[in-house]
Amino acid sequence: MPSDHTWRGKPEDRDPWREWIRRNVESGRDGYVFEDIDLVPWLVARRYFGILDPVGRFMFIERKLGNASMGNAQIRTFGLIDRILRKGDPLGQRWSGWYLLNHPHENPWKCTYVIINGEKLTMDQFKLFLKFELDIPPYEFPDYVWKSKEAG
């Protein structure tokens, strides 16, 4: 049965691919969830201590207008991805983490600040963050997103 998700945004902002999926694939109630990742900053081919690092570091950013939070489907989906990436890079040399970006305007030129994981940043601080030059603790997902009921 097609998804019963209701679009709450402006009609002109509808993503035709998401709309097609919504109409042609079962809903979350049937076990199918579709999420997108808004931003993937990737710092690559930088020299550290005179050594070229061709792999680099990356993070994922979920962007929300105002003080909106991630929904349950996003928390569960992104939390599982985060858990797997943390296990694959336990020292955090490549995976910097997941971040929730809240911004007061859709137009970034009108923003004087943003909020990353609850921390208010000026736009200049935000630029440093995007360049991996300002450390902010990554988003902490609840344990339930990756633990199955059977595992306890």
N, C-alpha and C. Protein backbone atom coordinates (compact mmCIF):
# COMPACT_ATOMS: atom_id res chain seq x y z
N MET A 1 0.84 -1.18 0.00
CA MET A 1 0.00 0.00 0.00
C MET A 1 0.88 1.24 0.00
N PRO A 2 0.64 2.23 -0.86
CA PRO A 2 1.45 3.45 -0.91
C PRO A 2 1.46 4.18 0.42
N SER A 3 2.48 4.99 0.62
CA SER A 3 2.65 5.73 1.85
C SER A 3 1.50 6.71 2.06
N ASP A 4 1.12 6.90 3.32
CA ASP A 4 0.08 7.87 3.64
C ASP A 4 0.70 9.16 4.19
N HIS A 5 2.02 9.32 4.01
CA HIS A 5 2.70 10.53 4.47
C HIS A 5 2.09 11.76 3.81
N THR A 6 1.87 12.80 4.59
CA THR A 6 1.29 14.03 4.08
C THR A 6 2.37 15.09 3.95
N TRP A 7 2.49 15.68 2.78
CA TRP A 7 3.45 16.76 2.55
C TRP A 7 2.94 18.02 3.24
N ARG A 8 3.78 18.65 4.07
CA ARG A 8 3.37 19.83 4.81
C ARG A 8 4.04 21.11 4.31
N GLY A 9 4.90 20.98 3.31
CA GLY A 9 5.61 22.15 2.79
C GLY A 9 4.87 22.81 1.64
N LYS A 10 5.57 23.72 0.99
CA LYS A 10 5.00 24.41 -0.16
C LYS A 10 5.02 23.46 -1.36
N PRO A 11 3.98 23.47 -2.18
CA PRO A 11 3.92 22.55 -3.33
C PRO A 11 5.14 22.66 -4.25
N GLU A 12 5.66 23.87 -4.44
CA GLU A 12 6.80 24.04 -5.35
C GLU A 12 8.10 23.45 -4.79
N ASP A 13 8.12 23.14 -3.50
CA ASP A 13 9.31 22.55 -2.88
C ASP A 13 9.28 21.03 -2.88
N ARG A 14 8.22 20.45 -3.37
CA ARG A 14 8.10 18.99 -3.39
C ARG A 14 9.16 18.37 -4.27
N ASP A 15 9.80 17.35 -3.78
CA ASP A 15 10.81 16.61 -4.53
C ASP A 15 10.08 15.55 -5.35
N PRO A 16 10.15 15.62 -6.69
CA PRO A 16 9.40 14.66 -7.50
C PRO A 16 9.83 13.21 -7.28
N TRP A 17 11.08 12.96 -6.95
CA TRP A 17 11.52 11.59 -6.68
C TRP A 17 10.91 11.06 -5.40
N ARG A 18 10.89 11.89 -4.36
CA ARG A 18 10.28 11.45 -3.10
C ARG A 18 8.77 11.22 -3.29
N GLU A 19 8.15 12.08 -4.08
CA GLU A 19 6.71 11.93 -4.35
C GLU A 19 6.44 10.63 -5.10
N TRP A 20 7.28 10.31 -6.07
CA TRP A 20 7.12 9.07 -6.82
C TRP A 20 7.27 7.87 -5.88
N ILE A 21 8.30 7.91 -5.04
CA ILE A 21 8.51 6.81 -4.08
C ILE A 21 7.31 6.70 -3.14
N ARG A 22 6.83 7.83 -2.65
CA ARG A 22 5.69 7.83 -1.73
C ARG A 22 4.46 7.17 -2.37
N ARG A 23 4.28 7.38 -3.65
CA ARG A 23 3.10 6.83 -4.34
C ARG A 23 3.29 5.39 -4.82
N ASN A 24 4.54 4.93 -4.90
CA ASN A 24 4.79 3.63 -5.50
C ASN A 24 5.40 2.57 -4.58
N VAL A 25 5.81 2.96 -3.39
CA VAL A 25 6.43 2.01 -2.46
C VAL A 25 5.69 2.08 -1.13
N GLU A 26 5.59 0.96 -0.48
CA GLU A 26 4.89 0.89 0.80
C GLU A 26 5.46 1.88 1.80
N SER A 27 4.70 2.12 2.85
CA SER A 27 5.06 3.13 3.84
C SER A 27 5.89 2.54 4.99
N GLY A 28 6.29 3.42 5.90
CA GLY A 28 7.03 3.01 7.08
C GLY A 28 6.27 2.00 7.91
N ARG A 29 4.97 2.10 7.91
CA ARG A 29 4.13 1.14 8.62
C ARG A 29 4.34 -0.28 8.09
N ASP A 30 4.73 -0.37 6.81
CA ASP A 30 4.99 -1.66 6.18
C ASP A 30 6.47 -2.03 6.20
N GLY A 31 7.29 -1.18 6.84
CA GLY A 31 8.71 -1.49 6.98
C GLY A 31 9.64 -0.78 6.03
N TYR A 32 9.13 0.17 5.26
CA TYR A 32 9.97 0.89 4.30
C TYR A 32 10.09 2.36 4.69
N VAL A 33 11.30 2.81 4.92
CA VAL A 33 11.55 4.20 5.28
C VAL A 33 12.56 4.78 4.29
N PHE A 34 12.30 5.98 3.81
CA PHE A 34 13.20 6.66 2.88
C PHE A 34 13.58 8.00 3.47
N GLU A 35 14.86 8.22 3.69
CA GLU A 35 15.37 9.48 4.22
C GLU A 35 16.48 9.98 3.31
N ASP A 36 16.70 11.27 3.32
CA ASP A 36 17.82 11.83 2.58
C ASP A 36 18.78 12.50 3.56
N ILE A 37 20.03 12.58 3.17
CA ILE A 37 21.05 13.26 3.97
C ILE A 37 21.27 14.60 3.30
N ASP A 38 21.13 15.67 4.08
CA ASP A 38 21.17 17.00 3.49
C ASP A 38 22.58 17.43 3.05
N LEU A 39 23.56 17.28 3.91
CA LEU A 39 24.91 17.75 3.60
C LEU A 39 25.95 16.71 4.01
N VAL A 40 26.99 16.55 3.19
CA VAL A 40 28.10 15.66 3.51
C VAL A 40 29.40 16.43 3.29
N PRO A 41 29.84 17.20 4.29
CA PRO A 41 31.15 17.84 4.15
C PRO A 41 32.26 16.79 4.18
N TRP A 42 33.19 16.92 3.27
CA TRP A 42 34.29 15.95 3.15
C TRP A 42 35.58 16.73 2.97
N LEU A 43 36.47 16.59 3.91
CA LEU A 43 37.78 17.23 3.84
C LEU A 43 38.75 16.20 3.29
N VAL A 44 39.21 16.42 2.06
CA VAL A 44 40.01 15.41 1.38
C VAL A 44 41.27 16.02 0.79
N ALA A 45 42.29 15.17 0.65
CA ALA A 45 43.57 15.53 0.02
C ALA A 45 44.23 16.72 0.72
N ARG A 46 44.20 16.73 2.05
CA ARG A 46 44.91 17.75 2.82
C ARG A 46 46.24 17.18 3.30
N ARG A 47 47.18 18.05 3.51
CA ARG A 47 48.48 17.62 4.05
C ARG A 47 48.48 17.78 5.56
N TYR A 48 48.79 16.69 6.25
CA TYR A 48 48.95 16.70 7.70
C TYR A 48 50.38 16.31 8.01
N PHE A 49 51.10 17.21 8.68
CA PHE A 49 52.49 16.94 9.05
C PHE A 49 53.32 16.56 7.82
N GLY A 50 53.04 17.21 6.68
CA GLY A 50 53.80 16.98 5.46
C GLY A 50 53.38 15.73 4.69
N ILE A 51 52.36 15.02 5.17
CA ILE A 51 51.91 13.78 4.52
C ILE A 51 50.55 14.02 3.89
N LEU A 52 50.41 13.69 2.62
CA LEU A 52 49.13 13.85 1.93
C LEU A 52 48.15 12.78 2.41
N ASP A 53 46.95 13.22 2.80
CA ASP A 53 45.90 12.30 3.22
C ASP A 53 44.83 12.27 2.13
N PRO A 54 44.84 11.26 1.24
CA PRO A 54 43.88 11.24 0.13
C PRO A 54 42.48 10.77 0.54
N VAL A 55 42.33 10.24 1.74
CA VAL A 55 41.01 9.75 2.18
C VAL A 55 40.24 10.86 2.89
N GLY A 56 40.86 11.50 3.85
CA GLY A 56 40.26 12.64 4.53
C GLY A 56 39.27 12.26 5.61
N ARG A 57 38.45 13.26 5.98
CA ARG A 57 37.43 13.12 7.02
C ARG A 57 36.10 13.57 6.44
N PHE A 58 35.01 13.06 7.03
CA PHE A 58 33.70 13.49 6.59
C PHE A 58 32.72 13.48 7.75
N MET A 59 31.60 14.18 7.57
CA MET A 59 30.51 14.21 8.53
C MET A 59 29.21 14.32 7.75
N PHE A 60 28.12 14.00 8.41
CA PHE A 60 26.79 14.17 7.82
C PHE A 60 26.07 15.25 8.61
N ILE A 61 25.31 16.08 7.89
CA ILE A 61 24.55 17.16 8.52
C ILE A 61 23.10 17.06 8.08
N GLU A 62 22.20 17.05 9.05
CA GLU A 62 20.76 17.11 8.78
C GLU A 62 20.33 18.55 9.05
N ARG A 63 19.75 19.19 8.05
CA ARG A 63 19.38 20.60 8.12
C ARG A 63 17.90 20.75 8.45
N LYS A 64 17.59 21.62 9.44
CA LYS A 64 16.21 21.87 9.84
C LYS A 64 15.98 23.36 10.02
N LEU A 65 14.83 23.82 9.59
CA LEU A 65 14.44 25.22 9.76
C LEU A 65 13.96 25.45 11.19
N GLY A 66 14.35 26.57 11.76
CA GLY A 66 13.91 26.91 13.12
C GLY A 66 14.48 25.96 14.14
N ASN A 67 13.63 25.59 15.09
CA ASN A 67 14.11 24.68 16.14
C ASN A 67 13.60 23.25 15.95
N ALA A 68 13.28 22.91 14.71
CA ALA A 68 12.77 21.56 14.42
C ALA A 68 13.82 20.51 14.77
N SER A 69 13.33 19.36 15.17
CA SER A 69 14.24 18.26 15.48
C SER A 69 14.05 17.16 14.43
N MET A 70 14.89 16.17 14.52
CA MET A 70 14.73 15.02 13.63
C MET A 70 13.53 14.21 14.09
N GLY A 71 12.83 13.64 13.15
CA GLY A 71 11.71 12.77 13.48
C GLY A 71 12.21 11.38 13.85
N ASN A 72 11.31 10.56 14.34
CA ASN A 72 11.67 9.21 14.78
C ASN A 72 12.31 8.39 13.67
N ALA A 73 11.78 8.46 12.46
CA ALA A 73 12.35 7.69 11.34
C ALA A 73 13.78 8.15 11.05
N GLN A 74 14.01 9.46 11.10
CA GLN A 74 15.37 9.96 10.87
C GLN A 74 16.30 9.54 12.01
N ILE A 75 15.85 9.64 13.23
CA ILE A 75 16.68 9.25 14.37
C ILE A 75 17.07 7.78 14.26
N ARG A 76 16.12 6.94 13.91
CA ARG A 76 16.43 5.51 13.81
C ARG A 76 17.33 5.21 12.61
N THR A 77 17.04 5.81 11.46
CA THR A 77 17.84 5.57 10.26
C THR A 77 19.25 6.12 10.42
N PHE A 78 19.34 7.40 10.78
CA PHE A 78 20.65 8.04 10.90
C PHE A 78 21.44 7.48 12.08
N GLY A 79 20.74 7.11 13.14
CA GLY A 79 21.42 6.52 14.30
C GLY A 79 22.08 5.19 13.96
N LEU A 80 21.42 4.39 13.16
CA LEU A 80 22.00 3.11 12.74
C LEU A 80 23.24 3.35 11.87
N ILE A 81 23.15 4.29 10.94
CA ILE A 81 24.30 4.61 10.09
C ILE A 81 25.45 5.12 10.95
N ASP A 82 25.15 6.01 11.89
CA ASP A 82 26.18 6.56 12.78
C ASP A 82 26.86 5.45 13.58
N ARG A 83 26.08 4.54 14.11
CA ARG A 83 26.63 3.44 14.91
C ARG A 83 27.60 2.58 14.08
N ILE A 84 27.20 2.27 12.87
CA ILE A 84 28.04 1.45 11.99
C ILE A 84 29.33 2.19 11.64
N LEU A 85 29.22 3.48 11.33
CA LEU A 85 30.41 4.26 11.00
C LEU A 85 31.34 4.42 12.20
N ARG A 86 30.79 4.58 13.39
CA ARG A 86 31.62 4.67 14.59
C ARG A 86 32.36 3.36 14.85
N LYS A 87 31.69 2.26 14.62
CA LYS A 87 32.34 0.95 14.80
C LYS A 87 33.45 0.75 13.76
N GLY A 88 33.22 1.23 12.55
CA GLY A 88 34.21 1.09 11.49
C GLY A 88 35.40 2.03 11.65
N ASP A 89 35.21 3.10 12.42
CA ASP A 89 36.27 4.09 12.64
C ASP A 89 36.27 4.47 14.12
N PRO A 90 36.65 3.52 14.99
CA PRO A 90 36.52 3.75 16.44
C PRO A 90 37.33 4.92 16.98
N LEU A 91 38.40 5.31 16.30
CA LEU A 91 39.21 6.44 16.77
C LEU A 91 38.75 7.78 16.18
N GLY A 92 37.76 7.73 15.29
CA GLY A 92 37.23 8.96 14.71
C GLY A 92 38.20 9.68 13.79
N GLN A 93 39.04 8.93 13.12
CA GLN A 93 40.00 9.55 12.21
C GLN A 93 39.35 9.98 10.89
N ARG A 94 38.31 9.27 10.47
CA ARG A 94 37.63 9.58 9.21
C ARG A 94 36.21 10.10 9.44
N TRP A 95 35.46 9.40 10.27
CA TRP A 95 34.07 9.75 10.54
C TRP A 95 34.01 10.76 11.68
N SER A 96 33.63 11.99 11.38
CA SER A 96 33.55 13.04 12.40
C SER A 96 32.23 13.03 13.14
N GLY A 97 31.22 12.40 12.58
CA GLY A 97 29.94 12.30 13.27
C GLY A 97 28.79 12.91 12.51
N TRP A 98 27.63 12.85 13.15
CA TRP A 98 26.39 13.38 12.59
C TRP A 98 26.07 14.67 13.32
N TYR A 99 25.52 15.65 12.60
CA TYR A 99 25.22 16.94 13.20
C TYR A 99 23.84 17.42 12.76
N LEU A 100 23.13 18.03 13.70
CA LEU A 100 21.83 18.63 13.42
C LEU A 100 22.05 20.14 13.30
N LEU A 101 21.77 20.67 12.12
CA LEU A 101 21.90 22.10 11.84
C LEU A 101 20.52 22.73 11.87
N ASN A 102 20.30 23.64 12.81
CA ASN A 102 19.07 24.43 12.84
C ASN A 102 19.41 25.85 12.39
N HIS A 103 18.59 26.39 11.48
CA HIS A 103 18.84 27.74 10.97
C HIS A 103 17.53 28.52 11.01
N PRO A 104 17.59 29.83 11.31
CA PRO A 104 16.36 30.61 11.49
C PRO A 104 15.68 31.04 10.19
N HIS A 105 16.38 30.98 9.06
CA HIS A 105 15.81 31.38 7.77
C HIS A 105 16.20 30.36 6.71
N GLU A 106 15.35 30.16 5.72
CA GLU A 106 15.72 29.31 4.58
C GLU A 106 16.85 29.95 3.79
N ASN A 107 16.87 31.26 3.75
CA ASN A 107 17.90 32.00 3.03
C ASN A 107 19.11 32.19 3.94
N PRO A 108 20.25 31.54 3.66
CA PRO A 108 21.41 31.66 4.55
C PRO A 108 21.96 33.08 4.62
N TRP A 109 21.71 33.89 3.61
CA TRP A 109 22.20 35.27 3.63
C TRP A 109 21.48 36.10 4.67
N LYS A 110 20.34 35.64 5.14
CA LYS A 110 19.58 36.35 6.18
C LYS A 110 19.92 35.85 7.59
N CYS A 111 20.72 34.81 7.67
CA CYS A 111 21.06 34.23 8.98
C CYS A 111 22.26 34.96 9.59
N THR A 112 22.15 35.27 10.86
CA THR A 112 23.29 35.82 11.60
C THR A 112 23.90 34.74 12.49
N TYR A 113 23.19 33.63 12.62
CA TYR A 113 23.67 32.52 13.43
C TYR A 113 23.01 31.23 12.95
N VAL A 114 23.58 30.12 13.37
CA VAL A 114 22.98 28.80 13.21
C VAL A 114 23.18 28.06 14.53
N ILE A 115 22.52 26.94 14.67
CA ILE A 115 22.69 26.11 15.86
C ILE A 115 23.09 24.72 15.39
N ILE A 116 24.22 24.24 15.91
CA ILE A 116 24.71 22.90 15.59
C ILE A 116 24.64 22.07 16.87
N ASN A 117 23.84 21.02 16.84
CA ASN A 117 23.66 20.14 18.00
C ASN A 117 23.44 20.94 19.28
N GLY A 118 22.62 21.98 19.18
CA GLY A 118 22.26 22.79 20.34
C GLY A 118 23.23 23.91 20.66
N GLU A 119 24.32 24.03 19.93
CA GLU A 119 25.32 25.07 20.17
C GLU A 119 25.18 26.20 19.15
N LYS A 120 24.93 27.40 19.64
CA LYS A 120 24.73 28.56 18.77
C LYS A 120 26.07 29.04 18.23
N LEU A 121 26.15 29.20 16.90
CA LEU A 121 27.37 29.65 16.23
C LEU A 121 27.08 30.87 15.38
N THR A 122 28.05 31.79 15.34
CA THR A 122 27.97 32.87 14.36
C THR A 122 28.19 32.24 12.98
N MET A 123 27.92 32.97 11.96
CA MET A 123 28.14 32.44 10.61
C MET A 123 29.62 32.22 10.34
N ASP A 124 30.49 33.04 10.92
CA ASP A 124 31.93 32.82 10.77
C ASP A 124 32.35 31.53 11.49
N GLN A 125 31.80 31.28 12.67
CA GLN A 125 32.09 30.02 13.36
C GLN A 125 31.56 28.84 12.56
N PHE A 126 30.40 29.01 11.94
CA PHE A 126 29.82 27.95 11.13
C PHE A 126 30.74 27.60 9.96
N LYS A 127 31.32 28.61 9.33
CA LYS A 127 32.27 28.35 8.24
C LYS A 127 33.45 27.53 8.74
N LEU A 128 33.97 27.86 9.92
CA LEU A 128 35.08 27.09 10.50
C LEU A 128 34.65 25.65 10.76
N PHE A 129 33.44 25.48 11.27
CA PHE A 129 32.92 24.14 11.53
C PHE A 129 32.87 23.32 10.24
N LEU A 130 32.35 23.92 9.18
CA LEU A 130 32.24 23.22 7.89
C LEU A 130 33.60 22.85 7.31
N LYS A 131 34.65 23.59 7.72
CA LYS A 131 36.00 23.30 7.26
C LYS A 131 36.76 22.40 8.26
N PHE A 132 36.03 21.83 9.23
CA PHE A 132 36.61 20.95 10.24
C PHE A 132 37.62 21.68 11.13
N GLU A 133 37.42 22.97 11.30
CA GLU A 133 38.34 23.77 12.11
C GLU A 133 37.72 24.20 13.43
N LEU A 134 36.51 23.78 13.72
CA LEU A 134 35.84 24.07 14.98
C LEU A 134 35.20 22.77 15.47
N ASP A 135 35.65 22.29 16.59
CA ASP A 135 35.15 21.02 17.11
C ASP A 135 33.87 21.21 17.91
N ILE A 136 32.88 20.44 17.54
CA ILE A 136 31.61 20.37 18.26
C ILE A 136 31.31 18.89 18.43
N PRO A 137 30.91 18.48 19.62
CA PRO A 137 30.59 17.05 19.80
C PRO A 137 29.49 16.61 18.83
N PRO A 138 29.65 15.41 18.25
CA PRO A 138 28.62 14.93 17.33
C PRO A 138 27.30 14.62 18.04
N TYR A 139 26.27 14.52 17.25
CA TYR A 139 24.93 14.19 17.75
C TYR A 139 24.98 12.82 18.43
N GLU A 140 24.34 12.73 19.57
CA GLU A 140 24.28 11.46 20.30
C GLU A 140 22.91 10.83 20.09
N PHE A 141 22.88 9.74 19.39
CA PHE A 141 21.63 9.02 19.14
C PHE A 141 21.34 8.10 20.31
N PRO A 142 20.07 7.88 20.62
CA PRO A 142 19.74 6.94 21.70
C PRO A 142 20.09 5.51 21.31
N ASP A 143 20.41 4.69 22.31
CA ASP A 143 20.81 3.30 22.06
C ASP A 143 19.76 2.47 21.33
N TYR A 144 18.48 2.78 21.52
CA TYR A 144 17.44 1.94 20.93
C TYR A 144 17.49 1.90 19.41
N VAL A 145 18.16 2.85 18.77
CA VAL A 145 18.16 2.87 17.30
C VAL A 145 18.97 1.72 16.72
N TRP A 146 19.86 1.14 17.48
CA TRP A 146 20.68 0.06 16.92
C TRP A 146 20.56 -1.24 17.70
N LYS A 147 19.92 -1.21 18.85
CA LYS A 147 19.75 -2.46 19.61
C LYS A 147 18.42 -3.07 19.24
N SER A 148 18.45 -4.35 18.95
CA SER A 148 17.18 -5.04 18.67
C SER A 148 16.58 -5.52 19.97
N LYS A 149 15.28 -5.74 19.97
CA LYS A 149 14.62 -6.25 21.18
C LYS A 149 15.15 -7.61 21.57
N GLU A 150 15.52 -8.42 20.57
CA GLU A 150 16.03 -9.75 20.85
C GLU A 150 17.40 -9.71 21.53
N ALA A 151 18.21 -8.69 21.18
CA ALA A 151 19.56 -8.59 21.74
C ALA A 151 19.56 -8.11 23.19
N GLY A 152 18.45 -7.49 23.60
CA GLY A 152 18.32 -7.03 24.98
C GLY A 152 18.94 -5.76 25.21
